[in-house]
Amino acid sequence: MGRSSEQWIDWNFFGHQLVTHCVAQMPTPPQYNNVDSHAVPVPHFGVVLTVQQWHALRQKVEHKVKFVLEPYTRFAGQIGEQHTMFFTDPFGNALEFKAFADMEQLFATDE
């Protein structure tokens, strides 16, 4: 946790600044898109970790957070294969944590 007030908090989010604000009501209800046969919350903020960091984070939070989408390997055996998990911050913002065994796949397409 970084600087804060009663209305907002700055977080060191893997070397990036994530700022969360307190509001009386979320601006819109969460929506979901189907990705790899799973309901993915939108919008969401995503961070890419190394596979080692991803597994360490999973182990650290697996009994402390309620997952929106349980940790699993998405697109197994396909272009873009990745480990992923989703949970929300205390303000209800959806967060995705992912890792690629092959970082060249980060922005790879089927084409």
PDB file of N, CA and C in Angstrom:
ATOM      1  N   MET A   1       0.843  -1.171   0.000  1.00  0.00           N
ATOM      2  CA  MET A   1       0.000   0.000   0.000  1.00  0.00           C
ATOM      3  C   MET A   1       0.891   1.238   0.000  1.00  0.00           C
ATOM      4  N   GLY A   2       0.492   2.212  -0.803  1.00  0.00           N
ATOM      5  CA  GLY A   2       1.243   3.457  -0.876  1.00  0.00           C
ATOM      6  C   GLY A   2       0.463   4.596  -0.247  1.00  0.00           C
ATOM      7  N   ARG A   3       0.479   5.746  -0.901  1.00  0.00           N
ATOM      8  CA  ARG A   3      -0.252   6.906  -0.395  1.00  0.00           C
ATOM      9  C   ARG A   3      -1.743   6.604  -0.399  1.00  0.00           C
ATOM     10  N   SER A   4      -2.469   7.281   0.509  1.00  0.00           N
ATOM     11  CA  SER A   4      -3.909   7.029   0.578  1.00  0.00           C
ATOM     12  C   SER A   4      -4.621   8.190   1.254  1.00  0.00           C
ATOM     13  N   SER A   5      -5.938   8.180   1.131  1.00  0.00           N
ATOM     14  CA  SER A   5      -6.803   9.089   1.862  1.00  0.00           C
ATOM     15  C   SER A   5      -8.017   8.268   2.268  1.00  0.00           C
ATOM     16  N   GLU A   6      -9.031   8.913   2.783  1.00  0.00           N
ATOM     17  CA  GLU A   6     -10.251   8.177   3.125  1.00  0.00           C
ATOM     18  C   GLU A   6     -10.995   7.710   1.872  1.00  0.00           C
ATOM     19  N   GLN A   7     -10.688   8.309   0.720  1.00  0.00           N
ATOM     20  CA  GLN A   7     -11.408   8.004  -0.521  1.00  0.00           C
ATOM     21  C   GLN A   7     -10.625   7.176  -1.523  1.00  0.00           C
ATOM     22  N   TRP A   8      -9.308   7.055  -1.380  1.00  0.00           N
ATOM     23  CA  TRP A   8      -8.524   6.322  -2.372  1.00  0.00           C
ATOM     24  C   TRP A   8      -7.254   5.746  -1.749  1.00  0.00           C
ATOM     25  N   ILE A   9      -6.707   4.728  -2.424  1.00  0.00           N
ATOM     26  CA  ILE A   9      -5.445   4.098  -2.028  1.00  0.00           C
ATOM     27  C   ILE A   9      -4.625   3.833  -3.281  1.00  0.00           C
ATOM     28  N   ASP A  10      -3.333   4.178  -3.237  1.00  0.00           N
ATOM     29  CA  ASP A  10      -2.375   3.790  -4.275  1.00  0.00           C
ATOM     30  C   ASP A  10      -1.752   2.460  -3.849  1.00  0.00           C
ATOM     31  N   TRP A  11      -1.677   1.512  -4.771  1.00  0.00           N
ATOM     32  CA  TRP A  11      -1.074   0.207  -4.509  1.00  0.00           C
ATOM     33  C   TRP A  11       0.128   0.015  -5.430  1.00  0.00           C
ATOM     34  N   ASN A  12       1.188  -0.591  -4.919  1.00  0.00           N
ATOM     35  CA  ASN A  12       2.297  -1.025  -5.751  1.00  0.00           C
ATOM     36  C   ASN A  12       1.854  -2.358  -6.332  1.00  0.00           C
ATOM     37  N   PHE A  13       1.462  -2.350  -7.583  1.00  0.00           N
ATOM     38  CA  PHE A  13       0.890  -3.527  -8.237  1.00  0.00           C
ATOM     39  C   PHE A  13       1.937  -4.082  -9.195  1.00  0.00           C
ATOM     40  N   PHE A  14       2.853  -4.882  -8.635  1.00  0.00           N
ATOM     41  CA  PHE A  14       3.928  -5.491  -9.412  1.00  0.00           C
ATOM     42  C   PHE A  14       4.719  -4.434 -10.187  1.00  0.00           C
ATOM     43  N   GLY A  15       5.047  -3.334  -9.481  1.00  0.00           N
ATOM     44  CA  GLY A  15       5.821  -2.268 -10.090  1.00  0.00           C
ATOM     45  C   GLY A  15       4.995  -1.253 -10.854  1.00  0.00           C
ATOM     46  N   HIS A  16       3.680  -1.430 -10.883  1.00  0.00           N
ATOM     47  CA  HIS A  16       2.776  -0.482 -11.534  1.00  0.00           C
ATOM     48  C   HIS A  16       1.902   0.146 -10.461  1.00  0.00           C
ATOM     49  N   GLN A  17       1.455   1.364 -10.701  1.00  0.00           N
ATOM     50  CA  GLN A  17       0.582   2.019  -9.745  1.00  0.00           C
ATOM     51  C   GLN A  17      -0.868   1.693 -10.087  1.00  0.00           C
ATOM     52  N   LEU A  18      -1.556   1.075  -9.133  1.00  0.00           N
ATOM     53  CA  LEU A  18      -2.987   0.813  -9.257  1.00  0.00           C
ATOM     54  C   LEU A  18      -3.663   1.686  -8.215  1.00  0.00           C
ATOM     55  N   VAL A  19      -4.570   2.535  -8.656  1.00  0.00           N
ATOM     56  CA  VAL A  19      -5.254   3.442  -7.749  1.00  0.00           C
ATOM     57  C   VAL A  19      -6.697   2.994  -7.623  1.00  0.00           C
ATOM     58  N   THR A  20      -7.126   2.750  -6.399  1.00  0.00           N
ATOM     59  CA  THR A  20      -8.503   2.341  -6.149  1.00  0.00           C
ATOM     60  C   THR A  20      -9.220   3.475  -5.422  1.00  0.00           C
ATOM     61  N   HIS A  21     -10.450   3.737  -5.840  1.00  0.00           N
ATOM     62  CA  HIS A  21     -11.239   4.812  -5.254  1.00  0.00           C
ATOM     63  C   HIS A  21     -12.495   4.241  -4.629  1.00  0.00           C
ATOM     64  N   CYS A  22     -12.892   4.824  -3.532  1.00  0.00           N
ATOM     65  CA  CYS A  22     -14.136   4.448  -2.870  1.00  0.00           C
ATOM     66  C   CYS A  22     -15.271   5.245  -3.509  1.00  0.00           C
ATOM     67  N   VAL A  23     -16.317   4.545  -3.922  1.00  0.00           N
ATOM     68  CA  VAL A  23     -17.496   5.202  -4.470  1.00  0.00           C
ATOM     69  C   VAL A  23     -18.724   4.645  -3.761  1.00  0.00           C
ATOM     70  N   ALA A  24     -19.782   5.406  -3.746  1.00  0.00           N
ATOM     71  CA  ALA A  24     -21.006   4.968  -3.074  1.00  0.00           C
ATOM     72  C   ALA A  24     -21.595   3.733  -3.745  1.00  0.00           C
ATOM     73  N   GLN A  25     -21.426   3.648  -5.053  1.00  0.00           N
ATOM     74  CA  GLN A  25     -21.976   2.524  -5.811  1.00  0.00           C
ATOM     75  C   GLN A  25     -21.105   2.309  -7.036  1.00  0.00           C
ATOM     76  N   MET A  26     -20.906   1.055  -7.401  1.00  0.00           N
ATOM     77  CA  MET A  26     -20.140   0.783  -8.615  1.00  0.00           C
ATOM     78  C   MET A  26     -20.871   1.421  -9.792  1.00  0.00           C
ATOM     79  N   PRO A  27     -20.134   2.035 -10.734  1.00  0.00           N
ATOM     80  CA  PRO A  27     -20.779   2.726 -11.857  1.00  0.00           C
ATOM     81  C   PRO A  27     -21.689   1.829 -12.687  1.00  0.00           C
ATOM     82  N   THR A  28     -21.291   0.599 -12.906  1.00  0.00           N
ATOM     83  CA  THR A  28     -22.122  -0.328 -13.669  1.00  0.00           C
ATOM     84  C   THR A  28     -21.994  -1.713 -13.045  1.00  0.00           C
ATOM     85  N   PRO A  29     -23.019  -2.519 -13.188  1.00  0.00           N
ATOM     86  CA  PRO A  29     -22.888  -3.881 -12.665  1.00  0.00           C
ATOM     87  C   PRO A  29     -21.862  -4.654 -13.491  1.00  0.00           C
ATOM     88  N   PRO A  30     -21.186  -5.625 -12.874  1.00  0.00           N
ATOM     89  CA  PRO A  30     -20.201  -6.396 -13.644  1.00  0.00           C
ATOM     90  C   PRO A  30     -20.860  -7.140 -14.794  1.00  0.00           C
ATOM     91  N   GLN A  31     -20.134  -7.260 -15.864  1.00  0.00           N
ATOM     92  CA  GLN A  31     -20.569  -8.019 -17.029  1.00  0.00           C
ATOM     93  C   GLN A  31     -19.584  -9.166 -17.218  1.00  0.00           C
ATOM     94  N   TYR A  32     -19.936 -10.129 -18.044  1.00  0.00           N
ATOM     95  CA  TYR A  32     -19.062 -11.273 -18.274  1.00  0.00           C
ATOM     96  C   TYR A  32     -19.037 -11.615 -19.756  1.00  0.00           C
ATOM     97  N   ASN A  33     -17.861 -12.004 -20.237  1.00  0.00           N
ATOM     98  CA  ASN A  33     -17.702 -12.515 -21.592  1.00  0.00           C
ATOM     99  C   ASN A  33     -17.232 -13.953 -21.507  1.00  0.00           C
ATOM    100  N   ASN A  34     -17.624 -14.750 -22.474  1.00  0.00           N
ATOM    101  CA  ASN A  34     -17.209 -16.139 -22.531  1.00  0.00           C
ATOM    102  C   ASN A  34     -15.832 -16.219 -23.192  1.00  0.00           C
ATOM    103  N   VAL A  35     -14.848 -16.724 -22.449  1.00  0.00           N
ATOM    104  CA  VAL A  35     -13.502 -16.933 -22.966  1.00  0.00           C
ATOM    105  C   VAL A  35     -13.083 -18.335 -22.585  1.00  0.00           C
ATOM    106  N   ASP A  36     -12.789 -19.166 -23.561  1.00  0.00           N
ATOM    107  CA  ASP A  36     -12.357 -20.536 -23.300  1.00  0.00           C
ATOM    108  C   ASP A  36     -13.357 -21.258 -22.396  1.00  0.00           C
ATOM    109  N   SER A  37     -14.640 -21.054 -22.660  1.00  0.00           N
ATOM    110  CA  SER A  37     -15.745 -21.681 -21.921  1.00  0.00           C
ATOM    111  C   SER A  37     -15.812 -21.259 -20.455  1.00  0.00           C
ATOM    112  N   HIS A  38     -15.292 -20.096 -20.124  1.00  0.00           N
ATOM    113  CA  HIS A  38     -15.364 -19.564 -18.768  1.00  0.00           C
ATOM    114  C   HIS A  38     -15.903 -18.138 -18.808  1.00  0.00           C
ATOM    115  N   ALA A  39     -16.642 -17.761 -17.771  1.00  0.00           N
ATOM    116  CA  ALA A  39     -17.184 -16.414 -17.666  1.00  0.00           C
ATOM    117  C   ALA A  39     -16.102 -15.490 -17.108  1.00  0.00           C
ATOM    118  N   VAL A  40     -15.627 -14.570 -17.949  1.00  0.00           N
ATOM    119  CA  VAL A  40     -14.562 -13.638 -17.583  1.00  0.00           C
ATOM    120  C   VAL A  40     -15.187 -12.277 -17.282  1.00  0.00           C
ATOM    121  N   PRO A  41     -14.910 -11.715 -16.093  1.00  0.00           N
ATOM    122  CA  PRO A  41     -15.496 -10.417 -15.748  1.00  0.00           C
ATOM    123  C   PRO A  41     -14.893  -9.287 -16.576  1.00  0.00           C
ATOM    124  N   VAL A  42     -15.775  -8.396 -17.036  1.00  0.00           N
ATOM    125  CA  VAL A  42     -15.341  -7.208 -17.767  1.00  0.00           C
ATOM    126  C   VAL A  42     -16.042  -5.996 -17.176  1.00  0.00           C
ATOM    127  N   PRO A  43     -15.314  -4.905 -17.076  1.00  0.00           N
ATOM    128  CA  PRO A  43     -13.898  -4.801 -17.375  1.00  0.00           C
ATOM    129  C   PRO A  43     -13.065  -5.445 -16.274  1.00  0.00           C
ATOM    130  N   HIS A  44     -11.791  -5.653 -16.568  1.00  0.00           N
ATOM    131  CA  HIS A  44     -10.861  -6.133 -15.542  1.00  0.00           C
ATOM    132  C   HIS A  44      -9.473  -5.582 -15.827  1.00  0.00           C
ATOM    133  N   PHE A  45      -8.659  -5.567 -14.781  1.00  0.00           N
ATOM    134  CA  PHE A  45      -7.278  -5.134 -14.884  1.00  0.00           C
ATOM    135  C   PHE A  45      -6.427  -6.384 -14.832  1.00  0.00           C
ATOM    136  N   GLY A  46      -5.494  -6.534 -15.770  1.00  0.00           N
ATOM    137  CA  GLY A  46      -4.667  -7.731 -15.810  1.00  0.00           C
ATOM    138  C   GLY A  46      -3.199  -7.424 -15.625  1.00  0.00           C
ATOM    139  N   VAL A  47      -2.500  -8.350 -14.995  1.00  0.00           N
ATOM    140  CA  VAL A  47      -1.062  -8.234 -14.836  1.00  0.00           C
ATOM    141  C   VAL A  47      -0.439  -9.561 -15.257  1.00  0.00           C
ATOM    142  N   VAL A  48       0.682  -9.466 -15.966  1.00  0.00           N
ATOM    143  CA  VAL A  48       1.390 -10.658 -16.433  1.00  0.00           C
ATOM    144  C   VAL A  48       2.570 -10.905 -15.502  1.00  0.00           C
ATOM    145  N   LEU A  49       2.631 -12.111 -14.986  1.00  0.00           N
ATOM    146  CA  LEU A  49       3.696 -12.534 -14.086  1.00  0.00           C
ATOM    147  C   LEU A  49       4.523 -13.621 -14.753  1.00  0.00           C
ATOM    148  N   THR A  50       5.667 -13.934 -14.156  1.00  0.00           N
ATOM    149  CA  THR A  50       6.375 -15.136 -14.584  1.00  0.00           C
ATOM    150  C   THR A  50       5.600 -16.331 -14.043  1.00  0.00           C
ATOM    151  N   VAL A  51       5.846 -17.501 -14.593  1.00  0.00           N
ATOM    152  CA  VAL A  51       5.151 -18.699 -14.116  1.00  0.00           C
ATOM    153  C   VAL A  51       5.451 -18.913 -12.631  1.00  0.00           C
ATOM    154  N   GLN A  52       6.696 -18.710 -12.229  1.00  0.00           N
ATOM    155  CA  GLN A  52       7.073 -18.879 -10.821  1.00  0.00           C
ATOM    156  C   GLN A  52       6.316 -17.886  -9.932  1.00  0.00           C
ATOM    157  N   GLN A  53       6.237 -16.622 -10.345  1.00  0.00           N
ATOM    158  CA  GLN A  53       5.497 -15.613  -9.575  1.00  0.00           C
ATOM    159  C   GLN A  53       4.018 -15.969  -9.494  1.00  0.00           C
ATOM    160  N   TRP A  54       3.455 -16.454 -10.612  1.00  0.00           N
ATOM    161  CA  TRP A  54       2.033 -16.797 -10.655  1.00  0.00           C
ATOM    162  C   TRP A  54       1.719 -17.914  -9.659  1.00  0.00           C
ATOM    163  N   HIS A  55       2.534 -18.962  -9.667  1.00  0.00           N
ATOM    164  CA  HIS A  55       2.312 -20.076  -8.732  1.00  0.00           C
ATOM    165  C   HIS A  55       2.481 -19.620  -7.286  1.00  0.00           C
ATOM    166  N   ALA A  56       3.460 -18.759  -7.021  1.00  0.00           N
ATOM    167  CA  ALA A  56       3.669 -18.246  -5.668  1.00  0.00           C
ATOM    168  C   ALA A  56       2.466 -17.420  -5.209  1.00  0.00           C
ATOM    169  N   LEU A  57       1.948 -16.556  -6.096  1.00  0.00           N
ATOM    170  CA  LEU A  57       0.774 -15.760  -5.754  1.00  0.00           C
ATOM    171  C   LEU A  57      -0.435 -16.657  -5.522  1.00  0.00           C
ATOM    172  N   ARG A  58      -0.640 -17.634  -6.395  1.00  0.00           N
ATOM    173  CA  ARG A  58      -1.764 -18.559  -6.229  1.00  0.00           C
ATOM    174  C   ARG A  58      -1.706 -19.220  -4.857  1.00  0.00           C
ATOM    175  N   GLN A  59      -0.543 -19.718  -4.487  1.00  0.00           N
ATOM    176  CA  GLN A  59      -0.406 -20.381  -3.192  1.00  0.00           C
ATOM    177  C   GLN A  59      -0.655 -19.404  -2.039  1.00  0.00           C
ATOM    178  N   LYS A  60      -0.236 -18.172  -2.207  1.00  0.00           N
ATOM    179  CA  LYS A  60      -0.403 -17.171  -1.156  1.00  0.00           C
ATOM    180  C   LYS A  60      -1.868 -16.795  -0.935  1.00  0.00           C
ATOM    181  N   VAL A  61      -2.657 -16.731  -2.018  1.00  0.00           N
ATOM    182  CA  VAL A  61      -4.036 -16.239  -1.905  1.00  0.00           C
ATOM    183  C   VAL A  61      -5.104 -17.319  -1.945  1.00  0.00           C
ATOM    184  N   GLU A  62      -4.750 -18.560  -2.291  1.00  0.00           N
ATOM    185  CA  GLU A  62      -5.787 -19.555  -2.569  1.00  0.00           C
ATOM    186  C   GLU A  62      -6.741 -19.831  -1.417  1.00  0.00           C
ATOM    187  N   HIS A  63      -6.339 -19.605  -0.197  1.00  0.00           N
ATOM    188  CA  HIS A  63      -7.245 -19.819   0.938  1.00  0.00           C
ATOM    189  C   HIS A  63      -7.683 -18.510   1.590  1.00  0.00           C
ATOM    190  N   LYS A  64      -7.353 -17.385   0.920  1.00  0.00           N
ATOM    191  CA  LYS A  64      -7.654 -16.073   1.498  1.00  0.00           C
ATOM    192  C   LYS A  64      -8.610 -15.237   0.660  1.00  0.00           C
ATOM    193  N   VAL A  65      -8.788 -15.595  -0.606  1.00  0.00           N
ATOM    194  CA  VAL A  65      -9.673 -14.810  -1.466  1.00  0.00           C
ATOM    195  C   VAL A  65     -10.752 -15.707  -2.053  1.00  0.00           C
ATOM    196  N   LYS A  66     -11.832 -15.069  -2.452  1.00  0.00           N
ATOM    197  CA  LYS A  66     -12.876 -15.781  -3.188  1.00  0.00           C
ATOM    198  C   LYS A  66     -12.601 -15.522  -4.664  1.00  0.00           C
ATOM    199  N   PHE A  67     -12.317 -16.584  -5.396  1.00  0.00           N
ATOM    200  CA  PHE A  67     -12.003 -16.431  -6.807  1.00  0.00           C
ATOM    201  C   PHE A  67     -13.259 -16.159  -7.622  1.00  0.00           C
ATOM    202  N   VAL A  68     -13.159 -15.233  -8.553  1.00  0.00           N
ATOM    203  CA  VAL A  68     -14.194 -15.033  -9.562  1.00  0.00           C
ATOM    204  C   VAL A  68     -14.040 -16.148 -10.597  1.00  0.00           C
ATOM    205  N   LEU A  69     -12.795 -16.479 -10.898  1.00  0.00           N
ATOM    206  CA  LEU A  69     -12.455 -17.572 -11.808  1.00  0.00           C
ATOM    207  C   LEU A  69     -11.259 -18.297 -11.193  1.00  0.00           C
ATOM    208  N   GLU A  70     -11.475 -19.540 -10.796  1.00  0.00           N
ATOM    209  CA  GLU A  70     -10.435 -20.346 -10.148  1.00  0.00           C
ATOM    210  C   GLU A  70      -9.203 -20.454 -11.045  1.00  0.00           C
ATOM    211  N   PRO A  71      -8.023 -20.592 -10.443  1.00  0.00           N
ATOM    212  CA  PRO A  71      -6.801 -20.761 -11.235  1.00  0.00           C
ATOM    213  C   PRO A  71      -6.896 -21.976 -12.157  1.00  0.00           C
ATOM    214  N   TYR A  72      -6.514 -21.774 -13.407  1.00  0.00           N
ATOM    215  CA  TYR A  72      -6.484 -22.873 -14.367  1.00  0.00           C
ATOM    216  C   TYR A  72      -5.607 -22.489 -15.552  1.00  0.00           C
ATOM    217  N   THR A  73      -5.361 -23.448 -16.434  1.00  0.00           N
ATOM    218  CA  THR A  73      -4.594 -23.188 -17.648  1.00  0.00           C
ATOM    219  C   THR A  73      -5.573 -22.969 -18.789  1.00  0.00           C
ATOM    220  N   ARG A  74      -5.559 -21.758 -19.334  1.00  0.00           N
ATOM    221  CA  ARG A  74      -6.452 -21.370 -20.428  1.00  0.00           C
ATOM    222  C   ARG A  74      -5.775 -21.679 -21.761  1.00  0.00           C
ATOM    223  N   PHE A  75      -6.555 -22.066 -22.732  1.00  0.00           N
ATOM    224  CA  PHE A  75      -6.085 -22.359 -24.090  1.00  0.00           C
ATOM    225  C   PHE A  75      -4.988 -23.438 -24.075  1.00  0.00           C
ATOM    226  N   ALA A  76      -5.156 -24.445 -23.234  1.00  0.00           N
ATOM    227  CA  ALA A  76      -4.156 -25.511 -23.105  1.00  0.00           C
ATOM    228  C   ALA A  76      -3.850 -26.128 -24.463  1.00  0.00           C
ATOM    229  N   GLY A  77      -2.565 -26.190 -24.795  1.00  0.00           N
ATOM    230  CA  GLY A  77      -2.121 -26.781 -26.047  1.00  0.00           C
ATOM    231  C   GLY A  77      -2.355 -25.916 -27.275  1.00  0.00           C
ATOM    232  N   GLN A  78      -2.814 -24.680 -27.074  1.00  0.00           N
ATOM    233  CA  GLN A  78      -3.111 -23.781 -28.186  1.00  0.00           C
ATOM    234  C   GLN A  78      -2.211 -22.542 -28.123  1.00  0.00           C
ATOM    235  N   ILE A  79      -2.294 -21.734 -29.179  1.00  0.00           N
ATOM    236  CA  ILE A  79      -1.598 -20.442 -29.170  1.00  0.00           C
ATOM    237  C   ILE A  79      -2.165 -19.614 -28.019  1.00  0.00           C
ATOM    238  N   GLY A  80      -1.278 -19.001 -27.257  1.00  0.00           N
ATOM    239  CA  GLY A  80      -1.708 -18.168 -26.138  1.00  0.00           C
ATOM    240  C   GLY A  80      -1.946 -18.927 -24.845  1.00  0.00           C
ATOM    241  N   GLU A  81      -1.490 -20.185 -24.770  1.00  0.00           N
ATOM    242  CA  GLU A  81      -1.681 -20.949 -23.528  1.00  0.00           C
ATOM    243  C   GLU A  81      -1.138 -20.151 -22.347  1.00  0.00           C
ATOM    244  N   GLN A  82      -1.929 -20.111 -21.268  1.00  0.00           N
ATOM    245  CA  GLN A  82      -1.563 -19.294 -20.116  1.00  0.00           C
ATOM    246  C   GLN A  82      -2.201 -19.819 -18.840  1.00  0.00           C
ATOM    247  N   HIS A  83      -1.537 -19.558 -17.728  1.00  0.00           N
ATOM    248  CA  HIS A  83      -2.134 -19.787 -16.412  1.00  0.00           C
ATOM    249  C   HIS A  83      -2.895 -18.512 -16.091  1.00  0.00           C
ATOM    250  N   THR A  84      -4.087 -18.631 -15.539  1.00  0.00           N
ATOM    251  CA  THR A  84      -4.862 -17.438 -15.220  1.00  0.00           C
ATOM    252  C   THR A  84      -5.705 -17.658 -13.978  1.00  0.00           C
ATOM    253  N   MET A  85      -6.019 -16.576 -13.301  1.00  0.00           N
ATOM    254  CA  MET A  85      -6.951 -16.581 -12.175  1.00  0.00           C
ATOM    255  C   MET A  85      -7.495 -15.169 -12.024  1.00  0.00           C
ATOM    256  N   PHE A  86      -8.716 -15.074 -11.532  1.00  0.00           N
ATOM    257  CA  PHE A  86      -9.379 -13.789 -11.323  1.00  0.00           C
ATOM    258  C   PHE A  86      -9.944 -13.725  -9.910  1.00  0.00           C
ATOM    259  N   PHE A  87      -9.760 -12.578  -9.282  1.00  0.00           N
ATOM    260  CA  PHE A  87     -10.470 -12.275  -8.047  1.00  0.00           C
ATOM    261  C   PHE A  87     -10.648 -10.770  -7.991  1.00  0.00           C
ATOM    262  N   THR A  88     -11.394 -10.284  -7.014  1.00  0.00           N
ATOM    263  CA  THR A  88     -11.662  -8.846  -6.937  1.00  0.00           C
ATOM    264  C   THR A  88     -10.881  -8.207  -5.793  1.00  0.00           C
ATOM    265  N   ASP A  89     -10.624  -6.910  -5.960  1.00  0.00           N
ATOM    266  CA  ASP A  89     -10.016  -6.147  -4.871  1.00  0.00           C
ATOM    267  C   ASP A  89     -11.134  -5.784  -3.884  1.00  0.00           C
ATOM    268  N   PRO A  90     -10.794  -5.149  -2.760  1.00  0.00           N
ATOM    269  CA  PRO A  90     -11.831  -4.831  -1.768  1.00  0.00           C
ATOM    270  C   PRO A  90     -12.949  -3.931  -2.279  1.00  0.00           C
ATOM    271  N   PHE A  91     -12.720  -3.256  -3.419  1.00  0.00           N
ATOM    272  CA  PHE A  91     -13.726  -2.352  -3.965  1.00  0.00           C
ATOM    273  C   PHE A  91     -14.561  -2.992  -5.076  1.00  0.00           C
ATOM    274  N   GLY A  92     -14.324  -4.282  -5.350  1.00  0.00           N
ATOM    275  CA  GLY A  92     -15.101  -4.986  -6.357  1.00  0.00           C
ATOM    276  C   GLY A  92     -14.520  -4.947  -7.753  1.00  0.00           C
ATOM    277  N   ASN A  93     -13.328  -4.378  -7.935  1.00  0.00           N
ATOM    278  CA  ASN A  93     -12.691  -4.358  -9.251  1.00  0.00           C
ATOM    279  C   ASN A  93     -12.122  -5.731  -9.561  1.00  0.00           C
ATOM    280  N   ALA A  94     -12.404  -6.233 -10.746  1.00  0.00           N
ATOM    281  CA  ALA A  94     -11.906  -7.549 -11.151  1.00  0.00           C
ATOM    282  C   ALA A  94     -10.440  -7.455 -11.549  1.00  0.00           C
ATOM    283  N   LEU A  95      -9.637  -8.372 -11.024  1.00  0.00           N
ATOM    284  CA  LEU A  95      -8.204  -8.433 -11.292  1.00  0.00           C
ATOM    285  C   LEU A  95      -7.864  -9.783 -11.894  1.00  0.00           C
ATOM    286  N   GLU A  96      -7.089  -9.777 -12.976  1.00  0.00           N
ATOM    287  CA  GLU A  96      -6.622 -11.018 -13.587  1.00  0.00           C
ATOM    288  C   GLU A  96      -5.115 -11.108 -13.407  1.00  0.00           C
ATOM    289  N   PHE A  97      -4.659 -12.291 -13.025  1.00  0.00           N
ATOM    290  CA  PHE A  97      -3.231 -12.576 -12.924  1.00  0.00           C
ATOM    291  C   PHE A  97      -2.958 -13.729 -13.862  1.00  0.00           C
ATOM    292  N   LYS A  98      -2.006 -13.542 -14.774  1.00  0.00           N
ATOM    293  CA  LYS A  98      -1.715 -14.575 -15.759  1.00  0.00           C
ATOM    294  C   LYS A  98      -0.232 -14.749 -15.934  1.00  0.00           C
ATOM    295  N   ALA A  99       0.146 -15.899 -16.493  1.00  0.00           N
ATOM    296  CA  ALA A  99       1.551 -16.195 -16.772  1.00  0.00           C
ATOM    297  C   ALA A  99       1.623 -17.092 -17.991  1.00  0.00           C
ATOM    298  N   PHE A 100       2.618 -16.847 -18.804  1.00  0.00           N
ATOM    299  CA  PHE A 100       2.864 -17.636 -20.010  1.00  0.00           C
ATOM    300  C   PHE A 100       4.187 -18.370 -19.851  1.00  0.00           C
ATOM    301  N   ALA A 101       4.198 -19.666 -20.144  1.00  0.00           N
ATOM    302  CA  ALA A 101       5.463 -20.409 -20.154  1.00  0.00           C
ATOM    303  C   ALA A 101       6.351 -19.835 -21.256  1.00  0.00           C
ATOM    304  N   ASP A 102       5.726 -19.396 -22.358  1.00  0.00           N
ATOM    305  CA  ASP A 102       6.431 -18.808 -23.487  1.00  0.00           C
ATOM    306  C   ASP A 102       5.936 -17.369 -23.646  1.00  0.00           C
ATOM    307  N   MET A 103       6.723 -16.406 -23.189  1.00  0.00           N
ATOM    308  CA  MET A 103       6.301 -15.002 -23.239  1.00  0.00           C
ATOM    309  C   MET A 103       6.083 -14.512 -24.669  1.00  0.00           C
ATOM    310  N   GLU A 104       6.613 -15.217 -25.661  1.00  0.00           N
ATOM    311  CA  GLU A 104       6.366 -14.864 -27.058  1.00  0.00           C
ATOM    312  C   GLU A 104       4.881 -15.032 -27.387  1.00  0.00           C
ATOM    313  N   GLN A 105       4.146 -15.757 -26.573  1.00  0.00           N
ATOM    314  CA  GLN A 105       2.726 -16.021 -26.805  1.00  0.00           C
ATOM    315  C   GLN A 105       1.829 -14.894 -26.246  1.00  0.00           C
ATOM    316  N   LEU A 106       2.415 -13.933 -25.545  1.00  0.00           N
ATOM    317  CA  LEU A 106       1.622 -12.900 -24.889  1.00  0.00           C
ATOM    318  C   LEU A 106       0.637 -12.205 -25.833  1.00  0.00           C
ATOM    319  N   PHE A 107       1.096 -11.839 -27.016  1.00  0.00           N
ATOM    320  CA  PHE A 107       0.217 -11.161 -27.967  1.00  0.00           C
ATOM    321  C   PHE A 107       0.048 -11.963 -29.254  1.00  0.00           C
ATOM    322  N   ALA A 108       0.316 -13.268 -29.193  1.00  0.00           N
ATOM    323  CA  ALA A 108       0.211 -14.130 -30.378  1.00  0.00           C
ATOM    324  C   ALA A 108      -1.258 -14.275 -30.792  1.00  0.00           C
ATOM    325  N   THR A 109      -1.468 -14.439 -32.089  1.00  0.00           N
ATOM    326  CA  THR A 109      -2.817 -14.654 -32.621  1.00  0.00           C
ATOM    327  C   THR A 109      -2.835 -15.986 -33.376  1.00  0.00           C
ATOM    328  N   ASP A 110      -4.025 -16.443 -33.721  1.00  0.00           N
ATOM    329  CA  ASP A 110      -4.194 -17.683 -34.466  1.00  0.00           C
ATOM    330  C   ASP A 110      -3.721 -17.555 -35.901  1.00  0.00           C
ATOM    331  N   GLU A 111      -3.553 -16.324 -36.371  1.00  0.00           N
ATOM    332  CA  GLU A 111      -3.212 -16.095 -37.771  1.00  0.00           C
ATOM    333  C   GLU A 111      -1.746 -16.234 -38.031  1.00  0.00           C
TER     334      GLU A 111
END
